[in-house]
Amino acid sequence: MKTLILAAGRGERMRPLTDHTPKPLLPVAGEPLIVHTIRRLSEAGFSELVINLAHLGDQIEEYLQQGARWDVKIQYSREVEALETAGGIIQALPLLGDDPFLVVNGDIWTDFDYSKLNNRLPNQVLAHLVLVNNPLHHPGGDFCLEGGRLTGNQGQRLTYSGIGVYSPALFAGFPPGKRALAPILHNAVNRALLSGECYDGQWRDIGTPERLEELNQLLS
């Protein structure tokens, strides 16, 4: 199964740290945030990676190159400007192929075992999302989970972790261009086409300098 790491965002809330350094290259415990993700993916058997690039993307490509240091092969999907999450996925589809693929946000840190998701997409669903308990900065959550299915308003309300397995069919009919992911997912929820699971291990959304400092303190 191929993996797309989303790394094209500007990181506005991380400024001024991201004025000259792309967010995925910000240091966490002595190495770039994105390297923690690549290492865990490699250990879990995900060796074919695609990374989308926009803001300061040349720095990411220069640092990671083709991924040989982590026993992975990296291809790059370049965007003139960041296309938002769904737009970035749609742009990268030619590199991801016709089979389901894993998507991981480039600005999260987690000890989640990605091997649980290898070649996993339940029948009759277009995506399987990993959800987490609502963090303090996002108390309202994103989706309700009941019996392994995402619902509109039944079950426990949780936050999307930025980790999911997607079928290319979820994006069928959408032309290239800037596009948010949330409306596509909520439409699929309304049609009972999404499954999910809750992960209660370590997970951090590194969206602000304060959260980056908290993570570095945790890992020290």
N, C-alpha and C. Protein backbone atom coordinates (compact mmCIF):
# COMPACT_ATOMS: atom_id res chain seq x y z
N MET A 1 0.84 -1.20 0.00
CA MET A 1 0.00 0.00 0.00
C MET A 1 0.88 1.25 0.00
N LYS A 2 0.58 2.18 -0.89
CA LYS A 2 1.32 3.44 -0.94
C LYS A 2 0.80 4.41 0.12
N THR A 3 1.64 5.37 0.46
CA THR A 3 1.31 6.36 1.49
C THR A 3 1.56 7.76 0.96
N LEU A 4 0.61 8.64 1.21
CA LEU A 4 0.78 10.06 0.91
C LEU A 4 0.96 10.80 2.23
N ILE A 5 2.08 11.51 2.37
CA ILE A 5 2.30 12.39 3.51
C ILE A 5 2.02 13.81 3.06
N LEU A 6 1.09 14.46 3.74
CA LEU A 6 0.69 15.82 3.37
C LEU A 6 1.65 16.82 4.00
N ALA A 7 2.41 17.52 3.17
CA ALA A 7 3.48 18.40 3.68
C ALA A 7 3.52 19.73 2.95
N ALA A 8 2.41 20.14 2.34
CA ALA A 8 2.43 21.33 1.49
C ALA A 8 1.99 22.60 2.20
N GLY A 9 1.44 22.49 3.39
CA GLY A 9 0.84 23.64 4.05
C GLY A 9 1.82 24.74 4.43
N ARG A 10 1.30 25.94 4.58
CA ARG A 10 2.12 27.10 4.92
C ARG A 10 2.48 27.13 6.40
N GLY A 11 1.63 26.58 7.26
CA GLY A 11 1.90 26.61 8.68
C GLY A 11 1.78 27.99 9.28
N GLU A 12 0.67 28.67 8.97
CA GLU A 12 0.50 30.05 9.42
C GLU A 12 0.57 30.18 10.94
N ARG A 13 -0.04 29.24 11.66
CA ARG A 13 -0.06 29.34 13.12
C ARG A 13 1.31 29.07 13.73
N MET A 14 2.24 28.55 12.92
CA MET A 14 3.59 28.26 13.40
C MET A 14 4.56 29.43 13.17
N ARG A 15 4.08 30.47 12.52
CA ARG A 15 4.97 31.60 12.26
C ARG A 15 5.41 32.21 13.59
N PRO A 16 6.66 32.71 13.68
CA PRO A 16 7.62 32.90 12.59
C PRO A 16 8.49 31.69 12.28
N LEU A 17 8.28 30.55 13.00
CA LEU A 17 9.15 29.39 12.78
C LEU A 17 9.10 28.90 11.34
N THR A 18 7.93 29.05 10.70
CA THR A 18 7.78 28.52 9.35
C THR A 18 8.03 29.56 8.26
N ASP A 19 8.52 30.73 8.64
CA ASP A 19 8.85 31.73 7.62
C ASP A 19 10.01 31.26 6.75
N HIS A 20 10.92 30.51 7.34
CA HIS A 20 12.10 30.07 6.60
C HIS A 20 12.31 28.56 6.65
N THR A 21 11.48 27.87 7.42
CA THR A 21 11.58 26.41 7.53
C THR A 21 10.19 25.81 7.36
N PRO A 22 10.00 24.85 6.46
CA PRO A 22 8.68 24.22 6.34
C PRO A 22 8.35 23.44 7.61
N LYS A 23 7.09 23.44 7.99
CA LYS A 23 6.69 22.82 9.26
C LYS A 23 7.16 21.37 9.40
N PRO A 24 7.11 20.53 8.35
CA PRO A 24 7.56 19.15 8.53
C PRO A 24 9.04 19.01 8.88
N LEU A 25 9.84 20.05 8.66
CA LEU A 25 11.26 19.98 8.99
C LEU A 25 11.58 20.60 10.35
N LEU A 26 10.59 21.10 11.06
CA LEU A 26 10.87 21.64 12.40
C LEU A 26 11.35 20.51 13.30
N PRO A 27 12.35 20.80 14.16
CA PRO A 27 12.99 19.73 14.93
C PRO A 27 12.14 19.23 16.09
N VAL A 28 12.07 17.91 16.21
CA VAL A 28 11.41 17.22 17.33
C VAL A 28 12.40 16.18 17.84
N ALA A 29 12.84 16.37 19.07
CA ALA A 29 13.80 15.45 19.69
C ALA A 29 15.02 15.24 18.79
N GLY A 30 15.47 16.33 18.18
CA GLY A 30 16.72 16.27 17.45
C GLY A 30 16.64 15.91 15.99
N GLU A 31 15.45 15.65 15.47
CA GLU A 31 15.32 15.38 14.05
C GLU A 31 13.99 15.92 13.54
N PRO A 32 13.87 16.16 12.22
CA PRO A 32 12.65 16.77 11.69
C PRO A 32 11.40 15.96 12.00
N LEU A 33 10.31 16.68 12.23
CA LEU A 33 9.04 16.04 12.55
C LEU A 33 8.67 14.97 11.54
N ILE A 34 8.83 15.27 10.26
CA ILE A 34 8.41 14.32 9.22
C ILE A 34 9.25 13.04 9.25
N VAL A 35 10.48 13.11 9.75
CA VAL A 35 11.32 11.92 9.82
C VAL A 35 10.76 10.92 10.82
N HIS A 36 10.19 11.41 11.92
CA HIS A 36 9.55 10.50 12.88
C HIS A 36 8.45 9.69 12.19
N THR A 37 7.67 10.36 11.34
CA THR A 37 6.60 9.67 10.61
C THR A 37 7.17 8.69 9.61
N ILE A 38 8.16 9.10 8.85
CA ILE A 38 8.74 8.21 7.83
C ILE A 38 9.34 6.98 8.48
N ARG A 39 10.01 7.14 9.61
CA ARG A 39 10.62 6.00 10.27
C ARG A 39 9.56 5.01 10.72
N ARG A 40 8.48 5.50 11.31
CA ARG A 40 7.42 4.59 11.77
C ARG A 40 6.73 3.90 10.59
N LEU A 41 6.54 4.63 9.50
CA LEU A 41 5.94 4.01 8.32
C LEU A 41 6.85 2.91 7.77
N SER A 42 8.14 3.18 7.70
CA SER A 42 9.07 2.18 7.20
C SER A 42 9.07 0.94 8.08
N GLU A 43 9.08 1.14 9.40
CA GLU A 43 9.06 0.00 10.33
C GLU A 43 7.78 -0.81 10.19
N ALA A 44 6.69 -0.15 9.77
CA ALA A 44 5.40 -0.84 9.62
C ALA A 44 5.23 -1.47 8.24
N GLY A 45 6.23 -1.35 7.39
CA GLY A 45 6.16 -2.00 6.08
C GLY A 45 5.69 -1.13 4.94
N PHE A 46 5.53 0.18 5.19
CA PHE A 46 5.14 1.10 4.12
C PHE A 46 6.40 1.68 3.49
N SER A 47 6.74 1.20 2.32
CA SER A 47 8.01 1.60 1.71
C SER A 47 7.87 2.52 0.50
N GLU A 48 6.64 2.66 -0.01
CA GLU A 48 6.41 3.53 -1.17
C GLU A 48 5.65 4.77 -0.72
N LEU A 49 6.37 5.89 -0.67
CA LEU A 49 5.80 7.12 -0.15
C LEU A 49 5.69 8.18 -1.23
N VAL A 50 4.65 8.99 -1.13
CA VAL A 50 4.49 10.19 -1.94
C VAL A 50 4.35 11.35 -0.95
N ILE A 51 5.06 12.43 -1.20
CA ILE A 51 4.98 13.61 -0.34
C ILE A 51 4.60 14.80 -1.21
N ASN A 52 3.53 15.52 -0.82
CA ASN A 52 3.17 16.70 -1.61
C ASN A 52 3.90 17.92 -1.06
N LEU A 53 4.28 18.80 -1.93
CA LEU A 53 5.13 19.94 -1.60
C LEU A 53 4.54 21.23 -2.13
N ALA A 54 4.71 22.30 -1.37
CA ALA A 54 4.39 23.65 -1.85
C ALA A 54 5.31 24.62 -1.12
N HIS A 55 4.89 25.12 0.04
CA HIS A 55 5.68 26.11 0.79
C HIS A 55 7.05 25.55 1.16
N LEU A 56 8.11 26.18 0.62
CA LEU A 56 9.49 25.78 0.91
C LEU A 56 9.72 24.29 0.66
N GLY A 57 9.01 23.77 -0.33
CA GLY A 57 9.09 22.34 -0.61
C GLY A 57 10.45 21.86 -1.03
N ASP A 58 11.24 22.73 -1.66
CA ASP A 58 12.58 22.32 -2.07
C ASP A 58 13.43 21.90 -0.88
N GLN A 59 13.21 22.54 0.27
CA GLN A 59 13.97 22.16 1.46
C GLN A 59 13.63 20.74 1.90
N ILE A 60 12.35 20.38 1.81
CA ILE A 60 11.94 19.03 2.20
C ILE A 60 12.56 18.01 1.27
N GLU A 61 12.48 18.27 -0.03
CA GLU A 61 13.05 17.32 -1.00
C GLU A 61 14.55 17.21 -0.84
N GLU A 62 15.21 18.32 -0.60
CA GLU A 62 16.67 18.29 -0.43
C GLU A 62 17.06 17.48 0.79
N TYR A 63 16.29 17.59 1.86
CA TYR A 63 16.64 16.85 3.08
C TYR A 63 16.33 15.36 2.94
N LEU A 64 15.14 15.04 2.43
CA LEU A 64 14.72 13.64 2.38
C LEU A 64 15.26 12.90 1.17
N GLN A 65 15.46 13.61 0.07
CA GLN A 65 15.90 13.03 -1.20
C GLN A 65 14.97 11.88 -1.59
N GLN A 66 15.51 10.72 -1.90
CA GLN A 66 14.66 9.60 -2.34
C GLN A 66 14.31 8.63 -1.23
N GLY A 67 14.71 8.94 0.00
CA GLY A 67 14.28 8.15 1.15
C GLY A 67 15.14 6.96 1.51
N ALA A 68 16.30 6.80 0.86
CA ALA A 68 17.11 5.60 1.08
C ALA A 68 17.56 5.44 2.53
N ARG A 69 17.74 6.55 3.26
CA ARG A 69 18.20 6.45 4.65
C ARG A 69 17.21 5.71 5.53
N TRP A 70 15.95 5.68 5.12
CA TRP A 70 14.92 5.03 5.93
C TRP A 70 14.33 3.82 5.22
N ASP A 71 15.02 3.34 4.20
CA ASP A 71 14.57 2.15 3.46
C ASP A 71 13.20 2.34 2.84
N VAL A 72 12.95 3.54 2.34
CA VAL A 72 11.72 3.82 1.61
C VAL A 72 12.07 4.47 0.28
N LYS A 73 11.10 4.51 -0.60
CA LYS A 73 11.23 5.20 -1.88
C LYS A 73 10.23 6.35 -1.90
N ILE A 74 10.74 7.57 -2.08
CA ILE A 74 9.89 8.74 -2.04
C ILE A 74 9.72 9.35 -3.42
N GLN A 75 8.47 9.64 -3.78
CA GLN A 75 8.15 10.46 -4.94
C GLN A 75 7.51 11.74 -4.44
N TYR A 76 7.57 12.78 -5.25
CA TYR A 76 7.06 14.08 -4.82
C TYR A 76 5.97 14.58 -5.75
N SER A 77 4.91 15.09 -5.14
CA SER A 77 3.81 15.73 -5.87
C SER A 77 3.90 17.22 -5.61
N ARG A 78 4.31 17.98 -6.61
CA ARG A 78 4.60 19.41 -6.42
C ARG A 78 3.38 20.26 -6.77
N GLU A 79 3.10 21.23 -5.91
CA GLU A 79 1.99 22.16 -6.10
C GLU A 79 2.54 23.58 -6.18
N VAL A 80 2.07 24.33 -7.16
CA VAL A 80 2.52 25.72 -7.29
C VAL A 80 2.11 26.50 -6.05
N GLU A 81 0.90 26.29 -5.59
CA GLU A 81 0.43 26.80 -4.30
C GLU A 81 -0.31 25.67 -3.61
N ALA A 82 -0.34 25.72 -2.28
CA ALA A 82 -0.99 24.65 -1.54
C ALA A 82 -2.45 24.50 -1.96
N LEU A 83 -2.85 23.28 -2.26
CA LEU A 83 -4.18 23.01 -2.81
C LEU A 83 -5.18 22.56 -1.76
N GLU A 84 -4.85 22.71 -0.48
CA GLU A 84 -5.64 22.17 0.63
C GLU A 84 -5.61 20.65 0.57
N THR A 85 -6.23 20.03 1.56
CA THR A 85 -6.02 18.59 1.73
C THR A 85 -6.57 17.77 0.57
N ALA A 86 -7.83 17.93 0.23
CA ALA A 86 -8.39 17.13 -0.87
C ALA A 86 -7.74 17.48 -2.19
N GLY A 87 -7.48 18.76 -2.42
CA GLY A 87 -6.82 19.16 -3.65
C GLY A 87 -5.45 18.53 -3.78
N GLY A 88 -4.72 18.44 -2.66
CA GLY A 88 -3.41 17.80 -2.69
C GLY A 88 -3.50 16.32 -2.97
N ILE A 89 -4.51 15.67 -2.38
CA ILE A 89 -4.70 14.24 -2.65
C ILE A 89 -5.05 14.00 -4.11
N ILE A 90 -5.97 14.79 -4.65
CA ILE A 90 -6.38 14.64 -6.05
C ILE A 90 -5.19 14.85 -6.98
N GLN A 91 -4.38 15.85 -6.69
CA GLN A 91 -3.18 16.12 -7.51
C GLN A 91 -2.22 14.93 -7.50
N ALA A 92 -2.15 14.23 -6.36
CA ALA A 92 -1.19 13.13 -6.21
C ALA A 92 -1.73 11.78 -6.70
N LEU A 93 -3.00 11.70 -7.07
CA LEU A 93 -3.59 10.41 -7.44
C LEU A 93 -2.82 9.67 -8.53
N PRO A 94 -2.28 10.34 -9.57
CA PRO A 94 -1.52 9.58 -10.58
C PRO A 94 -0.31 8.85 -10.01
N LEU A 95 0.25 9.36 -8.91
CA LEU A 95 1.39 8.70 -8.28
C LEU A 95 0.95 7.61 -7.31
N LEU A 96 -0.30 7.68 -6.85
CA LEU A 96 -0.78 6.74 -5.84
C LEU A 96 -1.41 5.49 -6.44
N GLY A 97 -1.84 5.56 -7.68
CA GLY A 97 -2.36 4.38 -8.35
C GLY A 97 -3.84 4.14 -8.10
N ASP A 98 -4.30 2.94 -8.44
CA ASP A 98 -5.72 2.62 -8.42
C ASP A 98 -6.17 1.93 -7.14
N ASP A 99 -5.25 1.53 -6.28
CA ASP A 99 -5.60 0.81 -5.07
C ASP A 99 -5.75 1.77 -3.89
N PRO A 100 -6.41 1.34 -2.82
CA PRO A 100 -6.48 2.18 -1.61
C PRO A 100 -5.09 2.57 -1.12
N PHE A 101 -5.01 3.74 -0.52
CA PHE A 101 -3.72 4.26 -0.07
C PHE A 101 -3.88 4.90 1.30
N LEU A 102 -2.79 4.97 2.02
CA LEU A 102 -2.76 5.59 3.34
C LEU A 102 -2.42 7.07 3.19
N VAL A 103 -3.08 7.92 3.97
CA VAL A 103 -2.77 9.35 4.02
C VAL A 103 -2.42 9.70 5.46
N VAL A 104 -1.30 10.43 5.64
CA VAL A 104 -0.87 10.86 6.95
C VAL A 104 -0.53 12.35 6.89
N ASN A 105 -1.10 13.12 7.80
CA ASN A 105 -0.74 14.54 7.88
C ASN A 105 0.72 14.69 8.28
N GLY A 106 1.39 15.64 7.65
CA GLY A 106 2.81 15.83 7.92
C GLY A 106 3.10 16.60 9.18
N ASP A 107 2.06 17.07 9.89
CA ASP A 107 2.29 17.87 11.09
C ASP A 107 1.76 17.19 12.35
N ILE A 108 1.74 15.85 12.35
CA ILE A 108 1.35 15.13 13.56
C ILE A 108 2.52 14.29 14.05
N TRP A 109 2.49 13.98 15.33
CA TRP A 109 3.43 13.02 15.93
C TRP A 109 2.61 12.01 16.70
N THR A 110 2.91 10.73 16.54
CA THR A 110 2.13 9.68 17.18
C THR A 110 2.95 8.41 17.28
N ASP A 111 2.56 7.54 18.23
CA ASP A 111 3.15 6.21 18.31
C ASP A 111 2.21 5.16 17.72
N PHE A 112 1.25 5.59 16.92
CA PHE A 112 0.30 4.68 16.29
C PHE A 112 1.04 3.65 15.43
N ASP A 113 0.56 2.41 15.49
CA ASP A 113 1.15 1.31 14.71
C ASP A 113 0.49 1.28 13.33
N TYR A 114 1.17 1.84 12.34
CA TYR A 114 0.60 1.93 11.00
C TYR A 114 0.38 0.56 10.36
N SER A 115 1.07 -0.46 10.84
CA SER A 115 0.90 -1.78 10.22
C SER A 115 -0.53 -2.29 10.34
N LYS A 116 -1.29 -1.77 11.31
CA LYS A 116 -2.69 -2.15 11.46
C LYS A 116 -3.53 -1.76 10.25
N LEU A 117 -3.04 -0.78 9.49
CA LEU A 117 -3.82 -0.26 8.37
C LEU A 117 -3.36 -0.79 7.02
N ASN A 118 -2.30 -1.58 7.00
CA ASN A 118 -1.76 -2.05 5.72
C ASN A 118 -2.78 -2.95 5.03
N ASN A 119 -3.15 -2.55 3.81
CA ASN A 119 -4.12 -3.29 2.99
C ASN A 119 -5.47 -3.41 3.68
N ARG A 120 -5.82 -2.40 4.47
CA ARG A 120 -7.10 -2.45 5.18
C ARG A 120 -8.06 -1.38 4.68
N LEU A 121 -9.11 -1.80 4.08
CA LEU A 121 -10.24 -0.93 3.76
C LEU A 121 -11.47 -1.83 3.74
N PRO A 122 -12.33 -1.73 4.76
CA PRO A 122 -13.49 -2.62 4.84
C PRO A 122 -14.36 -2.54 3.59
N ASN A 123 -15.08 -3.60 3.34
CA ASN A 123 -15.98 -3.63 2.20
C ASN A 123 -17.06 -2.55 2.32
N GLN A 124 -17.45 -2.02 1.18
CA GLN A 124 -18.55 -1.06 1.09
C GLN A 124 -18.26 0.28 1.76
N VAL A 125 -16.98 0.61 1.95
CA VAL A 125 -16.64 1.94 2.45
C VAL A 125 -15.59 2.56 1.53
N LEU A 126 -15.54 3.88 1.53
CA LEU A 126 -14.60 4.61 0.68
C LEU A 126 -13.40 5.16 1.45
N ALA A 127 -13.48 5.12 2.79
CA ALA A 127 -12.34 5.54 3.60
C ALA A 127 -12.49 4.99 5.00
N HIS A 128 -11.35 4.76 5.64
CA HIS A 128 -11.31 4.32 7.03
C HIS A 128 -10.43 5.30 7.78
N LEU A 129 -11.00 6.00 8.77
CA LEU A 129 -10.30 7.07 9.48
C LEU A 129 -9.92 6.65 10.89
N VAL A 130 -8.73 7.05 11.29
CA VAL A 130 -8.30 6.88 12.68
C VAL A 130 -8.68 8.15 13.44
N LEU A 131 -9.47 7.97 14.50
CA LEU A 131 -9.93 9.09 15.31
C LEU A 131 -9.26 9.04 16.68
N VAL A 132 -9.20 10.19 17.34
CA VAL A 132 -8.61 10.29 18.68
C VAL A 132 -9.57 11.06 19.58
N ASN A 133 -9.36 10.93 20.88
CA ASN A 133 -10.14 11.72 21.82
C ASN A 133 -9.88 13.20 21.59
N ASN A 134 -10.89 14.00 21.77
CA ASN A 134 -10.80 15.42 21.42
C ASN A 134 -9.73 16.13 22.25
N PRO A 135 -8.74 16.75 21.60
CA PRO A 135 -7.73 17.51 22.34
C PRO A 135 -8.31 18.83 22.84
N LEU A 136 -7.58 19.47 23.74
CA LEU A 136 -8.06 20.72 24.33
C LEU A 136 -8.31 21.79 23.28
N HIS A 137 -7.49 21.80 22.22
CA HIS A 137 -7.64 22.85 21.21
C HIS A 137 -8.74 22.54 20.20
N HIS A 138 -9.37 21.37 20.31
CA HIS A 138 -10.45 21.00 19.37
C HIS A 138 -11.51 20.21 20.13
N PRO A 139 -12.16 20.83 21.11
CA PRO A 139 -13.06 20.08 22.00
C PRO A 139 -14.32 19.55 21.33
N GLY A 140 -14.72 20.14 20.22
CA GLY A 140 -15.97 19.72 19.58
C GLY A 140 -15.85 18.50 18.71
N GLY A 141 -14.62 18.09 18.39
CA GLY A 141 -14.43 16.91 17.56
C GLY A 141 -14.85 17.13 16.11
N ASP A 142 -14.80 16.03 15.33
CA ASP A 142 -15.12 16.10 13.90
C ASP A 142 -16.22 15.14 13.48
N PHE A 143 -16.20 13.92 14.03
CA PHE A 143 -17.13 12.87 13.59
C PHE A 143 -17.62 12.08 14.79
N CYS A 144 -18.77 11.45 14.61
CA CYS A 144 -19.27 10.51 15.60
C CYS A 144 -18.93 9.09 15.14
N LEU A 145 -18.57 8.24 16.09
CA LEU A 145 -18.19 6.86 15.80
C LEU A 145 -19.10 5.92 16.58
N GLU A 146 -19.72 5.01 15.85
CA GLU A 146 -20.58 4.02 16.50
C GLU A 146 -20.47 2.70 15.74
N GLY A 147 -20.06 1.68 16.47
CA GLY A 147 -19.98 0.36 15.86
C GLY A 147 -19.05 0.28 14.67
N GLY A 148 -17.96 1.04 14.70
CA GLY A 148 -16.99 1.00 13.62
C GLY A 148 -17.37 1.82 12.40
N ARG A 149 -18.48 2.55 12.48
CA ARG A 149 -18.91 3.40 11.37
C ARG A 149 -18.97 4.85 11.81
N LEU A 150 -18.65 5.75 10.90
CA LEU A 150 -18.78 7.18 11.17
C LEU A 150 -20.22 7.58 10.88
N THR A 151 -20.79 8.34 11.82
CA THR A 151 -22.18 8.74 11.69
C THR A 151 -22.30 10.25 11.82
N GLY A 152 -23.48 10.74 11.49
CA GLY A 152 -23.71 12.18 11.58
C GLY A 152 -23.82 12.68 13.00
N ASN A 153 -24.58 11.95 13.85
CA ASN A 153 -24.79 12.46 15.21
C ASN A 153 -25.03 11.36 16.24
N GLN A 154 -24.72 10.13 15.92
CA GLN A 154 -24.90 9.04 16.86
C GLN A 154 -23.55 8.48 17.27
N GLY A 155 -23.38 8.19 18.57
CA GLY A 155 -22.13 7.62 19.05
C GLY A 155 -21.22 8.68 19.65
N GLN A 156 -19.99 8.27 19.93
CA GLN A 156 -19.01 9.14 20.56
C GLN A 156 -18.41 10.11 19.54
N ARG A 157 -18.37 11.40 19.90
CA ARG A 157 -17.81 12.39 18.99
C ARG A 157 -16.31 12.50 19.23
N LEU A 158 -15.53 12.36 18.15
CA LEU A 158 -14.08 12.27 18.22
C LEU A 158 -13.45 13.17 17.16
N THR A 159 -12.14 13.29 17.24
CA THR A 159 -11.37 14.14 16.32
C THR A 159 -10.60 13.29 15.31
N TYR A 160 -10.62 13.72 14.07
CA TYR A 160 -9.85 13.04 13.03
C TYR A 160 -8.36 13.26 13.30
N SER A 161 -7.60 12.17 13.31
CA SER A 161 -6.19 12.23 13.69
C SER A 161 -5.28 12.69 12.55
N GLY A 162 -5.80 12.75 11.33
CA GLY A 162 -4.92 13.00 10.19
C GLY A 162 -4.32 11.74 9.62
N ILE A 163 -4.88 10.58 10.01
CA ILE A 163 -4.44 9.28 9.51
C ILE A 163 -5.65 8.56 8.95
N GLY A 164 -5.58 8.10 7.72
CA GLY A 164 -6.71 7.39 7.14
C GLY A 164 -6.33 6.62 5.89
N VAL A 165 -7.10 5.60 5.60
CA VAL A 165 -6.97 4.84 4.36
C VAL A 165 -8.09 5.27 3.43
N TYR A 166 -7.74 5.59 2.19
CA TYR A 166 -8.71 6.15 1.25
C TYR A 166 -8.74 5.33 -0.05
N SER A 167 -9.94 5.18 -0.57
CA SER A 167 -10.10 4.65 -1.92
C SER A 167 -10.05 5.80 -2.91
N PRO A 168 -9.38 5.62 -4.04
CA PRO A 168 -9.42 6.67 -5.06
C PRO A 168 -10.84 7.03 -5.48
N ALA A 169 -11.77 6.09 -5.33
CA ALA A 169 -13.15 6.33 -5.74
C ALA A 169 -13.80 7.46 -4.94
N LEU A 170 -13.28 7.75 -3.73
CA LEU A 170 -13.84 8.84 -2.93
C LEU A 170 -13.69 10.17 -3.65
N PHE A 171 -12.68 10.28 -4.51
CA PHE A 171 -12.38 11.55 -5.17
C PHE A 171 -12.76 11.56 -6.65
N ALA A 172 -13.48 10.53 -7.06
CA ALA A 172 -13.90 10.44 -8.46
C ALA A 172 -14.80 11.62 -8.82
N GLY A 173 -14.55 12.20 -9.98
CA GLY A 173 -15.37 13.29 -10.48
C GLY A 173 -14.95 14.67 -10.04
N PHE A 174 -13.96 14.76 -9.13
CA PHE A 174 -13.48 16.07 -8.69
C PHE A 174 -12.30 16.51 -9.55
N PRO A 175 -12.38 17.66 -10.20
CA PRO A 175 -11.26 18.12 -11.03
C PRO A 175 -10.12 18.63 -10.16
N PRO A 176 -8.92 18.72 -10.73
CA PRO A 176 -7.79 19.27 -9.99
C PRO A 176 -8.07 20.71 -9.56
N GLY A 177 -7.44 21.11 -8.47
CA GLY A 177 -7.60 22.46 -7.96
C GLY A 177 -7.70 22.47 -6.46
N LYS A 178 -7.80 23.66 -5.88
CA LYS A 178 -7.86 23.79 -4.43
C LYS A 178 -9.21 23.27 -3.92
N ARG A 179 -9.13 22.37 -2.93
CA ARG A 179 -10.36 21.77 -2.43
C ARG A 179 -10.14 21.25 -1.00
N ALA A 180 -11.07 21.53 -0.12
CA ALA A 180 -11.00 21.05 1.26
C ALA A 180 -11.49 19.61 1.34
N LEU A 181 -11.00 18.88 2.33
CA LEU A 181 -11.38 17.48 2.49
C LEU A 181 -12.66 17.31 3.29
N ALA A 182 -12.91 18.17 4.26
CA ALA A 182 -14.04 17.97 5.18
C ALA A 182 -15.38 17.80 4.47
N PRO A 183 -15.74 18.64 3.48
CA PRO A 183 -17.04 18.44 2.82
C PRO A 183 -17.17 17.10 2.13
N ILE A 184 -16.08 16.60 1.57
CA ILE A 184 -16.11 15.30 0.90
C ILE A 184 -16.35 14.20 1.93
N LEU A 185 -15.67 14.29 3.07
CA LEU A 185 -15.85 13.28 4.11
C LEU A 185 -17.26 13.32 4.70
N HIS A 186 -17.76 14.50 4.98
CA HIS A 186 -19.10 14.58 5.57
C HIS A 186 -20.16 14.09 4.59
N ASN A 187 -19.97 14.32 3.31
CA ASN A 187 -20.90 13.79 2.32
C ASN A 187 -20.89 12.26 2.34
N ALA A 188 -19.69 11.68 2.46
CA ALA A 188 -19.58 10.23 2.51
C ALA A 188 -20.18 9.67 3.80
N VAL A 189 -20.02 10.41 4.92
CA VAL A 189 -20.64 9.99 6.18
C VAL A 189 -22.16 9.93 6.02
N ASN A 190 -22.73 10.92 5.37
CA ASN A 190 -24.18 10.95 5.17
C ASN A 190 -24.67 9.77 4.33
N ARG A 191 -23.77 9.21 3.54
CA ARG A 191 -24.13 8.05 2.71
C ARG A 191 -23.65 6.75 3.34
N ALA A 192 -23.18 6.81 4.61
CA ALA A 192 -22.73 5.62 5.35
C ALA A 192 -21.60 4.89 4.64
N LEU A 193 -20.65 5.67 4.12
CA LEU A 193 -19.55 5.10 3.33
C LEU A 193 -18.20 5.21 4.02
N LEU A 194 -18.17 5.63 5.30
CA LEU A 194 -16.92 5.75 6.02
C LEU A 194 -16.92 4.87 7.27
N SER A 195 -15.80 4.20 7.51
CA SER A 195 -15.60 3.47 8.76
C SER A 195 -14.51 4.16 9.56
N GLY A 196 -14.35 3.72 10.80
CA GLY A 196 -13.34 4.37 11.62
C GLY A 196 -13.00 3.56 12.85
N GLU A 197 -11.98 4.02 13.56
CA GLU A 197 -11.57 3.42 14.82
C GLU A 197 -11.02 4.52 15.71
N CYS A 198 -11.04 4.29 17.02
CA CYS A 198 -10.52 5.27 17.97
C CYS A 198 -9.18 4.79 18.49
N TYR A 199 -8.18 5.67 18.46
CA TYR A 199 -6.86 5.36 18.99
C TYR A 199 -6.64 6.19 20.24
N ASP A 200 -6.30 5.54 21.34
CA ASP A 200 -6.15 6.26 22.59
C ASP A 200 -4.70 6.31 23.07
N GLY A 201 -3.75 6.08 22.15
CA GLY A 201 -2.34 6.19 22.50
C GLY A 201 -1.82 7.61 22.33
N GLN A 202 -0.51 7.72 22.19
CA GLN A 202 0.11 9.03 22.05
C GLN A 202 -0.17 9.63 20.67
N TRP A 203 -0.63 10.86 20.68
CA TRP A 203 -0.90 11.58 19.42
C TRP A 203 -0.85 13.07 19.70
N ARG A 204 -0.18 13.80 18.82
CA ARG A 204 -0.08 15.24 18.97
C ARG A 204 -0.24 15.90 17.59
N ASP A 205 -1.07 16.93 17.56
CA ASP A 205 -1.18 17.80 16.38
C ASP A 205 -0.25 18.98 16.64
N ILE A 206 0.83 19.07 15.85
CA ILE A 206 1.85 20.09 16.10
C ILE A 206 1.49 21.33 15.29
N GLY A 207 0.49 22.07 15.78
CA GLY A 207 -0.03 23.19 15.01
C GLY A 207 0.45 24.55 15.45
N THR A 208 1.08 24.64 16.62
CA THR A 208 1.55 25.93 17.13
C THR A 208 2.92 25.76 17.76
N PRO A 209 3.68 26.85 17.91
CA PRO A 209 4.98 26.74 18.58
C PRO A 209 4.86 26.17 20.00
N GLU A 210 3.77 26.49 20.68
CA GLU A 210 3.59 25.98 22.04
C GLU A 210 3.45 24.46 22.04
N ARG A 211 2.69 23.92 21.09
CA ARG A 211 2.53 22.47 21.03
C ARG A 211 3.84 21.79 20.61
N LEU A 212 4.62 22.44 19.77
CA LEU A 212 5.93 21.89 19.41
C LEU A 212 6.82 21.84 20.63
N GLU A 213 6.83 22.89 21.44
CA GLU A 213 7.64 22.90 22.65
C GLU A 213 7.16 21.86 23.64
N GLU A 214 5.83 21.67 23.77
CA GLU A 214 5.31 20.65 24.68
C GLU A 214 5.77 19.25 24.25
N LEU A 215 5.76 18.99 22.94
CA LEU A 215 6.20 17.68 22.45
C LEU A 215 7.69 17.47 22.72
N ASN A 216 8.49 18.49 22.49
CA ASN A 216 9.93 18.35 22.76
C ASN A 216 10.18 18.10 24.24
N GLN A 217 9.42 18.74 25.10
CA GLN A 217 9.57 18.49 26.53
C GLN A 217 9.16 17.08 26.89
N LEU A 218 8.08 16.60 26.27
CA LEU A 218 7.62 15.24 26.51
C LEU A 218 8.69 14.22 26.13
N LEU A 219 9.30 14.41 24.97
CA LEU A 219 10.27 13.42 24.46
C LEU A 219 11.64 13.56 25.10
N SER A 220 11.87 14.66 25.81
CA SER A 220 13.15 14.82 26.48
C SER A 220 13.18 14.08 27.81
